Amino acid sequence: MARQVRSTELKFHLDVLVEKKADNEWEAHCLQLDLIAEGTTAQVAFNHVLNAIDVQIRTCIENNNLGNLYFPAPKEVWDRLAYARGAIESCKYDRKIRPLPAGVNNYDGMEVDRFCYA
């Protein structure tokens, strides 16, 4: 008789703060796991921290040690994330919205971006 393998899906909410540093390098910081990665661009730093997150989660699962997965970043990093989120929110409302094209009477399916570029 074949054994039925049951798949378990784990979902995580992780916040990553990406900041430009003084030396023109970028730093990506996963706040829930306190993992940090650097890169020459924001995307490279983000990709590096995603790899570190993957390794951290896989290692904890493989060692049946999810209790040690979360190791929060220091308060000052969380404060910088809160400040960045506030800047994004205030920036979102300052955007100029183009008029709807002729014949279009709603924005169904439009996704508002979550980033603001200065």
Protein backbone atom coordinates (compact mmCIF):
# COMPACT_ATOMS: atom_id res chain seq x y z
CA MET A 1 0.00 0.00 0.00
CA ALA A 2 1.40 3.37 -1.01
CA ARG A 3 2.01 5.87 1.73
CA GLN A 4 0.40 9.23 1.26
CA VAL A 5 2.81 12.11 1.77
CA ARG A 6 1.23 15.18 3.23
CA SER A 7 2.63 18.52 2.23
CA THR A 8 2.68 21.32 4.75
CA GLU A 9 2.86 24.87 3.52
CA LEU A 10 4.53 27.35 5.84
CA LYS A 11 3.84 31.03 5.38
CA PHE A 12 6.04 33.76 6.75
CA HIS A 13 5.62 37.51 6.82
CA LEU A 14 9.05 39.08 6.61
CA ASP A 15 9.95 42.74 6.33
CA VAL A 16 13.11 43.74 4.45
CA LEU A 17 14.48 47.25 4.76
CA VAL A 18 16.83 48.22 1.91
CA GLU A 19 19.00 51.29 2.50
CA LYS A 20 21.82 53.03 0.66
CA LYS A 21 24.92 53.32 2.81
CA ALA A 22 27.55 56.06 2.82
CA ASP A 23 30.02 54.03 0.75
CA ASN A 24 27.55 53.73 -2.19
CA GLU A 25 26.79 50.16 -1.17
CA TRP A 26 23.26 48.96 -0.45
CA GLU A 27 22.18 47.03 2.60
CA ALA A 28 19.13 44.77 2.88
CA HIS A 29 18.02 43.86 6.40
CA CYS A 30 15.37 41.22 7.16
CA LEU A 31 13.96 42.50 10.42
CA GLN A 32 12.23 39.39 11.77
CA LEU A 33 15.36 37.25 11.33
CA ASP A 34 17.99 39.99 11.79
CA LEU A 35 19.76 38.92 8.60
CA ILE A 36 21.80 41.50 6.69
CA ALA A 37 23.22 41.40 3.16
CA GLU A 38 25.02 43.97 1.04
CA GLY A 39 25.26 44.63 -2.67
CA THR A 40 26.31 47.15 -5.27
CA THR A 41 22.64 47.90 -6.05
CA ALA A 42 19.42 47.69 -4.05
CA GLN A 43 18.30 44.68 -6.11
CA VAL A 44 21.58 42.82 -5.58
CA ALA A 45 21.42 43.42 -1.81
CA PHE A 46 17.78 42.30 -1.77
CA ASN A 47 18.61 39.13 -3.71
CA HIS A 48 21.46 38.33 -1.31
CA VAL A 49 19.22 38.70 1.74
CA LEU A 50 16.56 36.51 0.08
CA ASN A 51 19.20 33.79 -0.29
CA ALA A 52 20.18 34.17 3.36
CA ILE A 53 16.49 33.97 4.40
CA ASP A 54 16.08 30.79 2.34
CA VAL A 55 19.11 29.17 3.98
CA GLN A 56 17.99 30.21 7.48
CA ILE A 57 14.46 28.85 7.05
CA ARG A 58 15.61 25.61 5.40
CA THR A 59 18.20 25.00 8.12
CA CYS A 60 15.67 25.53 10.90
CA ILE A 61 13.16 23.20 9.21
CA GLU A 62 15.73 20.50 8.47
CA ASN A 63 16.91 20.59 12.09
CA ASN A 64 13.37 20.73 13.49
CA ASN A 65 14.31 23.99 15.17
CA LEU A 66 11.70 26.59 14.16
CA GLY A 67 11.86 27.99 17.69
CA ASN A 68 15.19 29.60 16.83
CA LEU A 69 14.07 30.99 13.49
CA TYR A 70 12.94 34.41 14.68
CA PHE A 71 15.59 36.73 16.05
CA PRO A 72 14.28 40.30 15.72
CA ALA A 73 16.49 43.18 14.64
CA PRO A 74 17.26 45.95 17.14
CA LYS A 75 14.58 48.61 17.83
CA GLU A 76 16.38 51.33 15.87
CA VAL A 77 16.11 49.27 12.67
CA TRP A 78 12.35 48.79 13.24
CA ASP A 79 12.10 52.56 13.76
CA ARG A 80 13.79 53.19 10.39
CA LEU A 81 11.34 50.79 8.74
CA ALA A 82 8.39 52.64 10.31
CA TYR A 83 9.81 55.95 9.08
CA ALA A 84 10.28 54.55 5.55
CA ARG A 85 6.71 53.22 5.50
CA GLY A 86 5.42 56.63 6.57
CA ALA A 87 7.38 58.30 3.77
CA ILE A 88 5.95 55.84 1.24
CA GLU A 89 2.39 56.46 2.44
CA SER A 90 2.72 60.25 2.35
CA CYS A 91 4.39 60.09 -1.06
CA LYS A 92 1.60 57.90 -2.44
CA TYR A 93 -0.95 60.63 -1.83
CA ASP A 94 1.18 63.32 -3.49
CA ARG A 95 1.27 61.52 -6.84
CA LYS A 96 -0.33 63.14 -9.85
CA ILE A 97 -2.97 60.87 -11.35
CA ARG A 98 -3.39 60.97 -15.10
CA PRO A 99 -6.92 61.28 -16.43
CA LEU A 100 -8.59 58.05 -17.52
CA PRO A 101 -8.24 57.20 -21.20
CA ALA A 102 -11.35 57.80 -23.32
CA GLY A 103 -13.90 55.03 -22.87
CA VAL A 104 -12.48 53.80 -19.54
CA ASN A 105 -14.66 54.63 -16.56
CA ASN A 106 -12.92 52.85 -13.68
CA TYR A 107 -9.58 51.57 -12.45
CA ASP A 108 -10.58 47.91 -11.95
CA GLY A 109 -7.51 45.73 -11.71
CA MET A 110 -5.12 48.62 -11.15
CA GLU A 111 -2.51 47.91 -8.53
CA VAL A 112 -1.12 50.89 -6.66
CA ASP A 113 2.60 50.59 -6.29
CA ARG A 114 4.04 50.54 -2.80
CA PHE A 115 7.23 52.44 -3.54
CA CYS A 116 8.07 56.07 -3.90
CA TYR A 117 11.11 57.34 -5.73
CA ALA A 118 12.51 60.75 -4.93
